[in-house]
Protein backbone atom coordinates (compact mmCIF):
# COMPACT_ATOMS: atom_id res chain seq x y z
CA MET A 1 35.26 25.38 6.55
CA SER A 2 32.54 25.19 9.14
CA ALA A 3 30.27 27.28 6.91
CA LYS A 4 30.68 24.62 4.17
CA VAL A 5 29.90 21.82 6.64
CA SER A 6 26.75 23.59 7.82
CA ARG A 7 25.56 24.10 4.24
CA PHE A 8 26.12 20.41 3.50
CA ALA A 9 24.46 19.41 6.76
CA ALA A 10 21.51 21.67 5.99
CA ALA A 11 21.25 20.26 2.47
CA GLY A 12 21.38 16.72 3.90
CA ALA A 13 18.67 17.54 6.43
CA VAL A 14 16.43 18.96 3.69
CA SER A 15 17.04 15.85 1.54
CA ALA A 16 16.22 13.59 4.48
CA LEU A 17 13.06 15.59 5.17
CA LEU A 18 12.00 15.26 1.52
CA LEU A 19 12.61 11.50 1.62
CA VAL A 20 10.62 11.16 4.83
CA SER A 21 7.81 13.25 3.34
CA ALA A 22 7.81 11.16 0.18
CA GLY A 23 7.75 7.99 2.28
CA GLY A 24 4.89 9.41 4.32
CA ALA A 25 2.88 10.13 1.16
CA THR A 26 3.49 6.59 -0.05
CA ALA A 27 2.46 5.15 3.29
CA THR A 28 -0.71 7.26 3.27
CA ALA A 29 -1.56 6.09 -0.25
CA ALA A 30 -1.07 2.48 0.81
CA VAL A 31 -3.35 2.95 3.81
CA SER A 32 -6.01 4.57 1.62
CA ALA A 33 -5.84 1.75 -0.91
CA HIS A 34 -6.09 -0.79 1.90
CA ALA A 35 -9.09 1.01 3.38
CA ALA A 36 -10.98 0.41 0.13
CA SER A 37 -11.02 -3.33 0.80
CA ALA A 38 -13.46 -5.11 3.07
CA LYS A 39 -13.70 -8.52 4.70
CA VAL A 40 -17.00 -10.37 4.99
CA ALA A 41 -17.21 -13.28 7.40
CA ILE A 42 -19.67 -16.08 6.65
CA ALA A 43 -19.98 -19.17 8.83
CA ALA A 44 -21.85 -22.44 8.61
CA ASN A 45 -24.03 -23.48 11.51
CA SER A 46 -21.62 -25.47 13.68
CA SER A 47 -24.23 -27.98 14.87
CA GLY A 48 -24.64 -29.44 11.38
CA LEU A 49 -27.87 -27.70 10.36
CA LEU A 50 -27.99 -26.79 6.68
CA LYS A 51 -27.79 -23.02 7.17
CA TYR A 52 -25.38 -20.15 7.54
CA THR A 53 -25.22 -18.19 10.80
CA LYS A 54 -26.09 -14.99 8.87
CA THR A 55 -28.38 -14.75 5.86
CA LYS A 56 -28.17 -10.97 5.34
CA ILE A 57 -24.81 -9.22 5.18
CA THR A 58 -23.85 -5.72 4.03
CA THR A 59 -20.50 -4.32 2.91
CA SER A 60 -18.99 -1.51 0.86
CA ALA A 61 -18.16 -1.62 -2.84
CA GLY A 62 -14.60 -2.41 -3.85
CA SER A 63 -12.31 -5.32 -3.17
CA VAL A 64 -14.14 -7.73 -0.84
CA THR A 65 -12.66 -10.82 0.77
CA ILE A 66 -15.23 -13.48 1.58
CA ALA A 67 -13.95 -15.60 4.48
CA PHE A 68 -16.01 -18.73 5.04
CA THR A 69 -15.62 -20.70 8.27
CA ASN A 70 -17.03 -24.19 8.45
CA ASN A 71 -16.77 -25.83 11.86
CA SER A 72 -19.72 -28.07 11.06
CA PRO A 73 -19.38 -31.86 10.88
CA VAL A 74 -20.89 -31.53 7.38
CA SER A 75 -18.89 -30.37 4.33
CA HIS A 76 -19.99 -27.03 2.84
CA ASP A 77 -18.79 -24.23 0.60
CA VAL A 78 -19.77 -20.68 -0.34
CA VAL A 79 -20.55 -19.63 -3.90
CA LEU A 80 -21.15 -15.94 -4.66
CA ILE A 81 -23.28 -15.04 -7.69
CA ASN A 82 -24.61 -11.82 -9.19
CA SER A 83 -28.19 -11.10 -10.29
CA LYS A 84 -27.52 -12.86 -13.62
CA ASN A 85 -26.45 -16.08 -11.79
CA LYS A 86 -22.82 -15.58 -12.84
CA ILE A 87 -20.41 -17.14 -10.34
CA LEU A 88 -18.08 -14.42 -9.06
CA GLY A 89 -16.14 -16.54 -6.59
CA LYS A 90 -16.31 -19.68 -4.50
CA THR A 91 -14.51 -21.71 -1.89
CA PRO A 92 -13.85 -25.41 -2.19
CA VAL A 93 -16.20 -27.81 -0.39
CA PHE A 94 -14.58 -28.59 2.97
CA ASP A 95 -15.19 -29.17 6.66
CA HIS A 96 -13.43 -27.72 9.69
CA GLY A 97 -11.49 -24.59 8.88
CA THR A 98 -11.68 -21.34 6.95
CA LYS A 99 -11.26 -20.70 3.23
CA SER A 100 -11.56 -17.38 1.43
CA PHE A 101 -11.61 -15.63 -1.93
CA THR A 102 -11.46 -11.98 -2.99
CA VAL A 103 -13.67 -10.27 -5.58
CA LYS A 104 -14.30 -6.72 -6.76
CA LEU A 105 -17.95 -5.80 -6.19
CA THR A 106 -20.04 -2.84 -7.24
CA ALA A 107 -23.18 -1.64 -5.48
CA GLY A 108 -26.04 -4.13 -5.70
CA LYS A 109 -27.40 -7.36 -4.27
CA TYR A 110 -25.58 -10.66 -4.53
CA THR A 111 -26.52 -14.16 -3.47
CA TYR A 112 -24.29 -16.60 -1.62
CA TYR A 113 -25.16 -20.26 -1.19
CA CYS A 114 -23.79 -23.74 -0.54
CA SER A 115 -23.41 -25.77 -3.74
CA VAL A 116 -23.45 -29.20 -2.06
CA PRO A 117 -26.49 -30.97 -3.57
CA GLY A 118 -29.64 -30.21 -1.58
CA HIS A 119 -28.08 -27.63 0.78
CA ARG A 120 -29.23 -24.49 -1.05
CA GLN A 121 -32.71 -25.95 -1.42
CA ALA A 122 -32.75 -26.69 2.34
CA GLY A 123 -32.09 -23.00 3.09
CA MET A 124 -28.31 -22.60 3.01
CA VAL A 125 -28.49 -19.30 1.13
CA GLY A 126 -28.05 -15.62 1.93
CA THR A 127 -27.96 -12.11 0.49
CA LEU A 128 -24.93 -9.84 0.37
CA THR A 129 -25.88 -6.18 -0.12
CA VAL A 130 -23.09 -3.91 -1.40
CA SER A 131 -23.41 -0.14 -1.14
């Protein structure tokens, strides 16, 4: 009888090991998929000037989350466009807080700007380079 119990115990241990291994592979795949995403932080000048704190940003191709923080007393937004002026994503116009959007980007140069009338023309614009 104890020989039967050991065979069942051994079979159970092998099954548990296979389940753990399968779970480990799944976890690794999830980490790899997550690593392909990037977060880009953009902020408005907090003193109220019509400019972003960074006008040149770089990131990797793939899923990119644009997180825009506006702690300025002036309402702003961020609009991301490609070289053909197609809007790829945007936040609402707001003040005080952070809003974000996620887009899939390929290698190239993109422009981000504030769409509030007069803000882009005053210099609230930047370049996002994706490699």
